Amino acid sequence: MTDSELVSKKKDARQEYFNLRLQQQTGALERPSRLNEIRKDVAKLETVLSERRLNLTVKSRVAKKSTTDTKKK
Protein backbone atom coordinates (compact mmCIF):
# COMPACT_ATOMS: atom_id res chain seq x y z
CA MET A 1 0.00 0.00 0.00
CA THR A 2 1.10 3.54 -0.61
CA ASP A 3 1.59 6.05 2.17
CA SER A 4 -1.55 7.95 1.19
CA GLU A 5 -3.61 4.75 1.31
CA LEU A 6 -2.23 3.95 4.76
CA VAL A 7 -3.01 7.44 6.02
CA SER A 8 -6.53 7.18 4.64
CA LYS A 9 -7.02 3.76 6.23
CA LYS A 10 -5.71 5.07 9.57
CA LYS A 11 -8.10 8.02 9.40
CA ASP A 12 -11.03 5.67 8.73
CA ALA A 13 -9.99 3.37 11.56
CA ARG A 14 -9.72 6.28 14.00
CA GLN A 15 -13.19 7.47 12.97
CA GLU A 16 -14.60 3.97 13.48
CA TYR A 17 -12.90 3.77 16.89
CA PHE A 18 -14.47 7.10 17.84
CA ASN A 19 -17.92 5.90 16.75
CA LEU A 20 -17.51 2.66 18.70
CA ARG A 21 -16.51 4.61 21.81
CA LEU A 22 -19.68 6.68 21.47
CA GLN A 23 -21.73 3.49 21.14
CA GLN A 24 -20.03 2.09 24.23
CA GLN A 25 -20.94 5.18 26.25
CA THR A 26 -24.57 5.00 25.18
CA GLY A 27 -24.77 1.26 25.79
CA ALA A 28 -25.42 0.38 22.16
CA LEU A 29 -22.13 -1.43 21.49
CA GLU A 30 -22.77 -5.01 20.39
CA ARG A 31 -19.18 -6.29 20.15
CA PRO A 32 -16.90 -4.71 22.77
CA SER A 33 -13.96 -6.74 21.44
CA ARG A 34 -14.12 -4.67 18.26
CA LEU A 35 -12.69 -1.71 20.21
CA ASN A 36 -9.47 -3.61 20.87
CA GLU A 37 -9.26 -4.80 17.28
CA ILE A 38 -9.57 -1.28 15.90
CA ARG A 39 -7.14 0.15 18.45
CA LYS A 40 -4.53 -2.46 17.46
CA ASP A 41 -5.15 -1.84 13.76
CA VAL A 42 -4.50 1.88 14.27
CA ALA A 43 -1.27 1.07 16.12
CA LYS A 44 -0.10 -1.24 13.33
CA LEU A 45 -0.81 1.42 10.70
CA GLU A 46 1.03 4.07 12.72
CA THR A 47 4.00 1.72 13.11
CA VAL A 48 4.24 1.07 9.38
CA LEU A 49 3.97 4.78 8.60
CA SER A 50 6.62 5.60 11.19
CA GLU A 51 8.97 2.95 9.80
CA ARG A 52 8.53 4.36 6.31
CA ARG A 53 9.06 7.90 7.51
CA LEU A 54 12.34 6.86 9.20
CA ASN A 55 13.36 4.65 6.25
CA LEU A 56 13.65 1.59 8.45
CA THR A 57 13.65 -1.92 7.07
CA VAL A 58 12.24 -4.65 9.25
CA LYS A 59 13.20 -8.25 8.70
CA SER A 60 10.59 -10.81 9.55
CA ARG A 61 11.28 -13.25 12.37
CA VAL A 62 10.30 -16.14 10.14
CA ALA A 63 13.10 -15.35 7.71
CA LYS A 64 15.63 -15.07 10.55
CA LYS A 65 14.54 -18.34 12.06
CA SER A 66 14.73 -20.26 8.79
CA THR A 67 18.25 -18.97 8.06
CA THR A 68 19.53 -19.91 11.51
CA ASP A 69 18.00 -23.37 11.21
CA THR A 70 19.85 -24.04 7.95
CA LYS A 71 23.18 -22.89 9.42
CA LYS A 72 22.93 -25.43 12.24
CA LYS A 73 22.66 -28.36 9.81
PDB file of N, CA and C in Angstrom:
ATOM      1  N   MET A   1       0.839  -1.185   0.000  1.00  0.00           N
ATOM      2  CA  MET A   1       0.000   0.000   0.000  1.00  0.00           C
ATOM      3  C   MET A   1       0.885   1.250   0.000  1.00  0.00           C
ATOM      4  N   THR A   2       0.367   2.279  -0.606  1.00  0.00           N
ATOM      5  CA  THR A   2       1.101   3.536  -0.614  1.00  0.00           C
ATOM      6  C   THR A   2       0.883   4.268   0.704  1.00  0.00           C
ATOM      7  N   ASP A   3       1.711   5.278   0.933  1.00  0.00           N
ATOM      8  CA  ASP A   3       1.587   6.048   2.169  1.00  0.00           C
ATOM      9  C   ASP A   3       0.225   6.734   2.265  1.00  0.00           C
ATOM     10  N   SER A   4      -0.254   7.250   1.159  1.00  0.00           N
ATOM     11  CA  SER A   4      -1.547   7.948   1.191  1.00  0.00           C
ATOM     12  C   SER A   4      -2.688   6.978   1.500  1.00  0.00           C
ATOM     13  N   GLU A   5      -2.589   5.752   1.001  1.00  0.00           N
ATOM     14  CA  GLU A   5      -3.612   4.748   1.313  1.00  0.00           C
ATOM     15  C   GLU A   5      -3.570   4.381   2.794  1.00  0.00           C
ATOM     16  N   LEU A   6      -2.365   4.263   3.348  1.00  0.00           N
ATOM     17  CA  LEU A   6      -2.230   3.948   4.765  1.00  0.00           C
ATOM     18  C   LEU A   6      -2.785   5.065   5.646  1.00  0.00           C
ATOM     19  N   VAL A   7      -2.494   6.298   5.264  1.00  0.00           N
ATOM     20  CA  VAL A   7      -3.007   7.442   6.021  1.00  0.00           C
ATOM     21  C   VAL A   7      -4.527   7.469   5.968  1.00  0.00           C
ATOM     22  N   SER A   8      -5.080   7.211   4.793  1.00  0.00           N
ATOM     23  CA  SER A   8      -6.532   7.182   4.640  1.00  0.00           C
ATOM     24  C   SER A   8      -7.153   6.069   5.475  1.00  0.00           C
ATOM     25  N   LYS A   9      -6.519   4.897   5.452  1.00  0.00           N
ATOM     26  CA  LYS A   9      -7.022   3.764   6.228  1.00  0.00           C
ATOM     27  C   LYS A   9      -6.936   4.051   7.725  1.00  0.00           C
ATOM     28  N   LYS A  10      -5.858   4.712   8.153  1.00  0.00           N
ATOM     29  CA  LYS A  10      -5.707   5.069   9.565  1.00  0.00           C
ATOM     30  C   LYS A  10      -6.786   6.063   9.988  1.00  0.00           C
ATOM     31  N   LYS A  11      -7.068   7.031   9.110  1.00  0.00           N
ATOM     32  CA  LYS A  11      -8.099   8.019   9.400  1.00  0.00           C
ATOM     33  C   LYS A  11      -9.464   7.336   9.555  1.00  0.00           C
ATOM     34  N   ASP A  12      -9.767   6.405   8.651  1.00  0.00           N
ATOM     35  CA  ASP A  12     -11.035   5.673   8.726  1.00  0.00           C
ATOM     36  C   ASP A  12     -11.122   4.835  10.001  1.00  0.00           C
ATOM     37  N   ALA A  13     -10.010   4.199  10.356  1.00  0.00           N
ATOM     38  CA  ALA A  13      -9.991   3.366  11.563  1.00  0.00           C
ATOM     39  C   ALA A  13     -10.179   4.221  12.815  1.00  0.00           C
ATOM     40  N   ARG A  14      -9.553   5.387  12.850  1.00  0.00           N
ATOM     41  CA  ARG A  14      -9.723   6.285  13.998  1.00  0.00           C
ATOM     42  C   ARG A  14     -11.174   6.760  14.107  1.00  0.00           C
ATOM     43  N   GLN A  15     -11.795   7.036  12.970  1.00  0.00           N
ATOM     44  CA  GLN A  15     -13.191   7.466  12.975  1.00  0.00           C
ATOM     45  C   GLN A  15     -14.092   6.335  13.475  1.00  0.00           C
ATOM     46  N   GLU A  16     -13.815   5.113  13.022  1.00  0.00           N
ATOM     47  CA  GLU A  16     -14.598   3.968  13.482  1.00  0.00           C
ATOM     48  C   GLU A  16     -14.413   3.753  14.979  1.00  0.00           C
ATOM     49  N   TYR A  17     -13.179   3.921  15.460  1.00  0.00           N
ATOM     50  CA  TYR A  17     -12.900   3.774  16.891  1.00  0.00           C
ATOM     51  C   TYR A  17     -13.689   4.815  17.684  1.00  0.00           C
ATOM     52  N   PHE A  18     -13.708   6.041  17.186  1.00  0.00           N
ATOM     53  CA  PHE A  18     -14.469   7.103  17.837  1.00  0.00           C
ATOM     54  C   PHE A  18     -15.951   6.751  17.902  1.00  0.00           C
ATOM     55  N   ASN A  19     -16.498   6.269  16.785  1.00  0.00           N
ATOM     56  CA  ASN A  19     -17.915   5.901  16.748  1.00  0.00           C
ATOM     57  C   ASN A  19     -18.218   4.743  17.701  1.00  0.00           C
ATOM     58  N   LEU A  20     -17.313   3.773  17.783  1.00  0.00           N
ATOM     59  CA  LEU A  20     -17.506   2.657  18.702  1.00  0.00           C
ATOM     60  C   LEU A  20     -17.462   3.118  20.152  1.00  0.00           C
ATOM     61  N   ARG A  21     -16.584   4.072  20.442  1.00  0.00           N
ATOM     62  CA  ARG A  21     -16.515   4.612  21.806  1.00  0.00           C
ATOM     63  C   ARG A  21     -17.816   5.315  22.176  1.00  0.00           C
ATOM     64  N   LEU A  22     -18.394   6.028  21.212  1.00  0.00           N
ATOM     65  CA  LEU A  22     -19.684   6.681  21.474  1.00  0.00           C
ATOM     66  C   LEU A  22     -20.768   5.642  21.729  1.00  0.00           C
ATOM     67  N   GLN A  23     -20.762   4.562  20.934  1.00  0.00           N
ATOM     68  CA  GLN A  23     -21.733   3.494  21.137  1.00  0.00           C
ATOM     69  C   GLN A  23     -21.547   2.839  22.506  1.00  0.00           C
ATOM     70  N   GLN A  24     -20.305   2.701  22.925  1.00  0.00           N
ATOM     71  CA  GLN A  24     -20.035   2.095  24.226  1.00  0.00           C
ATOM     72  C   GLN A  24     -20.600   2.971  25.341  1.00  0.00           C
ATOM     73  N   GLN A  25     -20.447   4.263  25.214  1.00  0.00           N
ATOM     74  CA  GLN A  25     -20.936   5.182  26.246  1.00  0.00           C
ATOM     75  C   GLN A  25     -22.457   5.212  26.313  1.00  0.00           C
ATOM     76  N   THR A  26     -23.100   4.983  25.187  1.00  0.00           N
ATOM     77  CA  THR A  26     -24.567   5.001  25.180  1.00  0.00           C
ATOM     78  C   THR A  26     -25.157   3.618  25.447  1.00  0.00           C
ATOM     79  N   GLY A  27     -24.290   2.607  25.517  1.00  0.00           N
ATOM     80  CA  GLY A  27     -24.769   1.256  25.791  1.00  0.00           C
ATOM     81  C   GLY A  27     -25.254   0.512  24.560  1.00  0.00           C
ATOM     82  N   ALA A  28     -24.943   0.998  23.398  1.00  0.00           N
ATOM     83  CA  ALA A  28     -25.423   0.379  22.161  1.00  0.00           C
ATOM     84  C   ALA A  28     -24.370  -0.494  21.480  1.00  0.00           C
ATOM     85  N   LEU A  29     -23.220  -0.669  22.106  1.00  0.00           N
ATOM     86  CA  LEU A  29     -22.132  -1.428  21.491  1.00  0.00           C
ATOM     87  C   LEU A  29     -22.408  -2.917  21.588  1.00  0.00           C
ATOM     88  N   GLU A  30     -22.450  -3.587  20.429  1.00  0.00           N
ATOM     89  CA  GLU A  30     -22.768  -5.014  20.392  1.00  0.00           C
ATOM     90  C   GLU A  30     -21.536  -5.884  20.609  1.00  0.00           C
ATOM     91  N   ARG A  31     -20.410  -5.486  20.021  1.00  0.00           N
ATOM     92  CA  ARG A  31     -19.175  -6.286  20.149  1.00  0.00           C
ATOM     93  C   ARG A  31     -18.071  -5.444  20.788  1.00  0.00           C
ATOM     94  N   PRO A  32     -17.937  -5.496  22.104  1.00  0.00           N
ATOM     95  CA  PRO A  32     -16.896  -4.709  22.772  1.00  0.00           C
ATOM     96  C   PRO A  32     -15.478  -5.082  22.328  1.00  0.00           C
ATOM     97  N   SER A  33     -15.288  -6.313  21.880  1.00  0.00           N
ATOM     98  CA  SER A  33     -13.959  -6.736  21.442  1.00  0.00           C
ATOM     99  C   SER A  33     -13.508  -5.976  20.194  1.00  0.00           C
ATOM    100  N   ARG A  34     -14.447  -5.425  19.471  1.00  0.00           N
ATOM    101  CA  ARG A  34     -14.116  -4.665  18.259  1.00  0.00           C
ATOM    102  C   ARG A  34     -13.284  -3.423  18.599  1.00  0.00           C
ATOM    103  N   LEU A  35     -13.480  -2.862  19.789  1.00  0.00           N
ATOM    104  CA  LEU A  35     -12.695  -1.708  20.211  1.00  0.00           C
ATOM    105  C   LEU A  35     -11.202  -2.056  20.234  1.00  0.00           C
ATOM    106  N   ASN A  36     -10.869  -3.193  20.812  1.00  0.00           N
ATOM    107  CA  ASN A  36      -9.471  -3.609  20.872  1.00  0.00           C
ATOM    108  C   ASN A  36      -8.913  -3.885  19.486  1.00  0.00           C
ATOM    109  N   GLU A  37      -9.711  -4.502  18.639  1.00  0.00           N
ATOM    110  CA  GLU A  37      -9.258  -4.801  17.282  1.00  0.00           C
ATOM    111  C   GLU A  37      -8.914  -3.521  16.530  1.00  0.00           C
ATOM    112  N   ILE A  38      -9.787  -2.545  16.605  1.00  0.00           N
ATOM    113  CA  ILE A  38      -9.573  -1.279  15.898  1.00  0.00           C
ATOM    114  C   ILE A  38      -8.373  -0.549  16.481  1.00  0.00           C
ATOM    115  N   ARG A  39      -8.258  -0.533  17.798  1.00  0.00           N
ATOM    116  CA  ARG A  39      -7.138   0.145  18.448  1.00  0.00           C
ATOM    117  C   ARG A  39      -5.809  -0.456  18.001  1.00  0.00           C
ATOM    118  N   LYS A  40      -5.752  -1.785  17.911  1.00  0.00           N
ATOM    119  CA  LYS A  40      -4.533  -2.463  17.464  1.00  0.00           C
ATOM    120  C   LYS A  40      -4.261  -2.212  15.991  1.00  0.00           C
ATOM    121  N   ASP A  41      -5.315  -2.142  15.187  1.00  0.00           N
ATOM    122  CA  ASP A  41      -5.147  -1.839  13.762  1.00  0.00           C
ATOM    123  C   ASP A  41      -4.545  -0.450  13.570  1.00  0.00           C
ATOM    124  N   VAL A  42      -5.032   0.518  14.352  1.00  0.00           N
ATOM    125  CA  VAL A  42      -4.496   1.877  14.269  1.00  0.00           C
ATOM    126  C   VAL A  42      -3.020   1.871  14.653  1.00  0.00           C
ATOM    127  N   ALA A  43      -2.669   1.143  15.688  1.00  0.00           N
ATOM    128  CA  ALA A  43      -1.271   1.070  16.123  1.00  0.00           C
ATOM    129  C   ALA A  43      -0.387   0.449  15.047  1.00  0.00           C
ATOM    130  N   LYS A  44      -0.878  -0.595  14.400  1.00  0.00           N
ATOM    131  CA  LYS A  44      -0.104  -1.240  13.329  1.00  0.00           C
ATOM    132  C   LYS A  44       0.124  -0.273  12.169  1.00  0.00           C
ATOM    133  N   LEU A  45      -0.926   0.454  11.797  1.00  0.00           N
ATOM    134  CA  LEU A  45      -0.807   1.417  10.703  1.00  0.00           C
ATOM    135  C   LEU A  45       0.178   2.523  11.062  1.00  0.00           C
ATOM    136  N   GLU A  46       0.108   3.021  12.293  1.00  0.00           N
ATOM    137  CA  GLU A  46       1.031   4.067  12.718  1.00  0.00           C
ATOM    138  C   GLU A  46       2.469   3.560  12.732  1.00  0.00           C
ATOM    139  N   THR A  47       2.660   2.300  13.104  1.00  0.00           N
ATOM    140  CA  THR A  47       3.995   1.719  13.112  1.00  0.00           C
ATOM    141  C   THR A  47       4.570   1.641  11.708  1.00  0.00           C
ATOM    142  N   VAL A  48       3.776   1.179  10.769  1.00  0.00           N
ATOM    143  CA  VAL A  48       4.243   1.075   9.380  1.00  0.00           C
ATOM    144  C   VAL A  48       4.568   2.460   8.825  1.00  0.00           C
ATOM    145  N   LEU A  49       3.711   3.428   9.084  1.00  0.00           N
ATOM    146  CA  LEU A  49       3.969   4.784   8.596  1.00  0.00           C
ATOM    147  C   LEU A  49       5.228   5.366   9.226  1.00  0.00           C
ATOM    148  N   SER A  50       5.427   5.114  10.499  1.00  0.00           N
ATOM    149  CA  SER A  50       6.618   5.601  11.192  1.00  0.00           C
ATOM    150  C   SER A  50       7.880   4.958  10.628  1.00  0.00           C
ATOM    151  N   GLU A  51       7.821   3.648  10.377  1.00  0.00           N
ATOM    152  CA  GLU A  51       8.971   2.950   9.796  1.00  0.00           C
ATOM    153  C   GLU A  51       9.307   3.525   8.424  1.00  0.00           C
ATOM    154  N   ARG A  52       8.296   3.796   7.642  1.00  0.00           N
ATOM    155  CA  ARG A  52       8.530   4.356   6.306  1.00  0.00           C
ATOM    156  C   ARG A  52       9.106   5.763   6.404  1.00  0.00           C
ATOM    157  N   ARG A  53       8.585   6.538   7.355  1.00  0.00           N
ATOM    158  CA  ARG A  53       9.060   7.905   7.513  1.00  0.00           C
ATOM    159  C   ARG A  53      10.537   7.921   7.927  1.00  0.00           C
ATOM    160  N   LEU A  54      10.955   6.941   8.728  1.00  0.00           N
ATOM    161  CA  LEU A  54      12.335   6.859   9.198  1.00  0.00           C
ATOM    162  C   LEU A  54      13.218   6.012   8.287  1.00  0.00           C
ATOM    163  N   ASN A  55      12.651   5.503   7.211  1.00  0.00           N
ATOM    164  CA  ASN A  55      13.356   4.647   6.254  1.00  0.00           C
ATOM    165  C   ASN A  55      13.963   3.407   6.919  1.00  0.00           C
ATOM    166  N   LEU A  56      13.199   2.800   7.784  1.00  0.00           N
ATOM    167  CA  LEU A  56      13.654   1.588   8.451  1.00  0.00           C
ATOM    168  C   LEU A  56      13.216   0.371   7.651  1.00  0.00           C
ATOM    169  N   THR A  57      14.038  -0.651   7.673  1.00  0.00           N
ATOM    170  CA  THR A  57      13.653  -1.922   7.072  1.00  0.00           C
ATOM    171  C   THR A  57      13.553  -2.943   8.195  1.00  0.00           C
ATOM    172  N   VAL A  58      12.477  -3.673   8.208  1.00  0.00           N
ATOM    173  CA  VAL A  58      12.236  -4.651   9.255  1.00  0.00           C
ATOM    174  C   VAL A  58      12.266  -6.028   8.629  1.00  0.00           C
ATOM    175  N   LYS A  59      13.125  -6.874   9.175  1.00  0.00           N
ATOM    176  CA  LYS A  59      13.196  -8.249   8.696  1.00  0.00           C
ATOM    177  C   LYS A  59      12.231  -9.082   9.511  1.00  0.00           C
ATOM    178  N   SER A  60      11.561  -9.991   8.842  1.00  0.00           N
ATOM    179  CA  SER A  60      10.594 -10.809   9.553  1.00  0.00           C
ATOM    180  C   SER A  60      11.309 -11.852  10.399  1.00  0.00           C
ATOM    181  N   ARG A  61      10.698 -12.244  11.490  1.00  0.00           N
ATOM    182  CA  ARG A  61      11.277 -13.248  12.371  1.00  0.00           C
ATOM    183  C   ARG A  61      11.306 -14.607  11.706  1.00  0.00           C
ATOM    184  N   VAL A  62      10.361 -14.856  10.830  1.00  0.00           N
ATOM    185  CA  VAL A  62      10.303 -16.140  10.141  1.00  0.00           C
ATOM    186  C   VAL A  62      11.543 -16.322   9.274  1.00  0.00           C
ATOM    187  N   ALA A  63      11.917 -15.276   8.569  1.00  0.00           N
ATOM    188  CA  ALA A  63      13.097 -15.352   7.711  1.00  0.00           C
ATOM    189  C   ALA A  63      14.356 -15.573   8.539  1.00  0.00           C
ATOM    190  N   LYS A  64      14.475 -14.893   9.684  1.00  0.00           N
ATOM    191  CA  LYS A  64      15.630 -15.072  10.551  1.00  0.00           C
ATOM    192  C   LYS A  64      15.704 -16.495  11.072  1.00  0.00           C
ATOM    193  N   LYS A  65      14.574 -17.007  11.482  1.00  0.00           N
ATOM    194  CA  LYS A  65      14.539 -18.337  12.060  1.00  0.00           C
ATOM    195  C   LYS A  65      14.925 -19.394  11.030  1.00  0.00           C
ATOM    196  N   SER A  66      14.434 -19.265   9.815  1.00  0.00           N
ATOM    197  CA  SER A  66      14.734 -20.259   8.789  1.00  0.00           C
ATOM    198  C   SER A  66      16.209 -20.212   8.394  1.00  0.00           C
ATOM    199  N   THR A  67      16.838 -19.040   8.410  1.00  0.00           N
ATOM    200  CA  THR A  67      18.248 -18.970   8.057  1.00  0.00           C
ATOM    201  C   THR A  67      19.121 -19.525   9.171  1.00  0.00           C
ATOM    202  N   THR A  68      18.737 -19.358  10.411  1.00  0.00           N
ATOM    203  CA  THR A  68      19.531 -19.908  11.506  1.00  0.00           C
ATOM    204  C   THR A  68      19.368 -21.407  11.582  1.00  0.00           C
ATOM    205  N   ASP A  69      18.217 -21.925  11.202  1.00  0.00           N
ATOM    206  CA  ASP A  69      17.997 -23.369  11.210  1.00  0.00           C
ATOM    207  C   ASP A  69      18.864 -24.051  10.159  1.00  0.00           C
ATOM    208  N   THR A  70      19.054 -23.424   9.012  1.00  0.00           N
ATOM    209  CA  THR A  70      19.847 -24.040   7.951  1.00  0.00           C
ATOM    210  C   THR A  70      21.330 -23.977   8.275  1.00  0.00           C
ATOM    211  N   LYS A  71      21.772 -22.990   9.044  1.00  0.00           N
ATOM    212  CA  LYS A  71      23.179 -22.887   9.424  1.00  0.00           C
ATOM    213  C   LYS A  71      23.579 -23.979  10.408  1.00  0.00           C
ATOM    214  N   LYS A  72      22.650 -24.418  11.243  1.00  0.00           N
ATOM    215  CA  LYS A  72      22.933 -25.433  12.238  1.00  0.00           C
ATOM    216  C   LYS A  72      23.145 -26.799  11.623  1.00  0.00           C
ATOM    217  N   LYS A  73      22.589 -27.035  10.451  1.00  0.00           N
ATOM    218  CA  LYS A  73      22.657 -28.361   9.809  1.00  0.00           C
ATOM    219  C   LYS A  73      23.956 -28.622   9.134  1.00  0.00           C
TER     220      LYS A  73
END
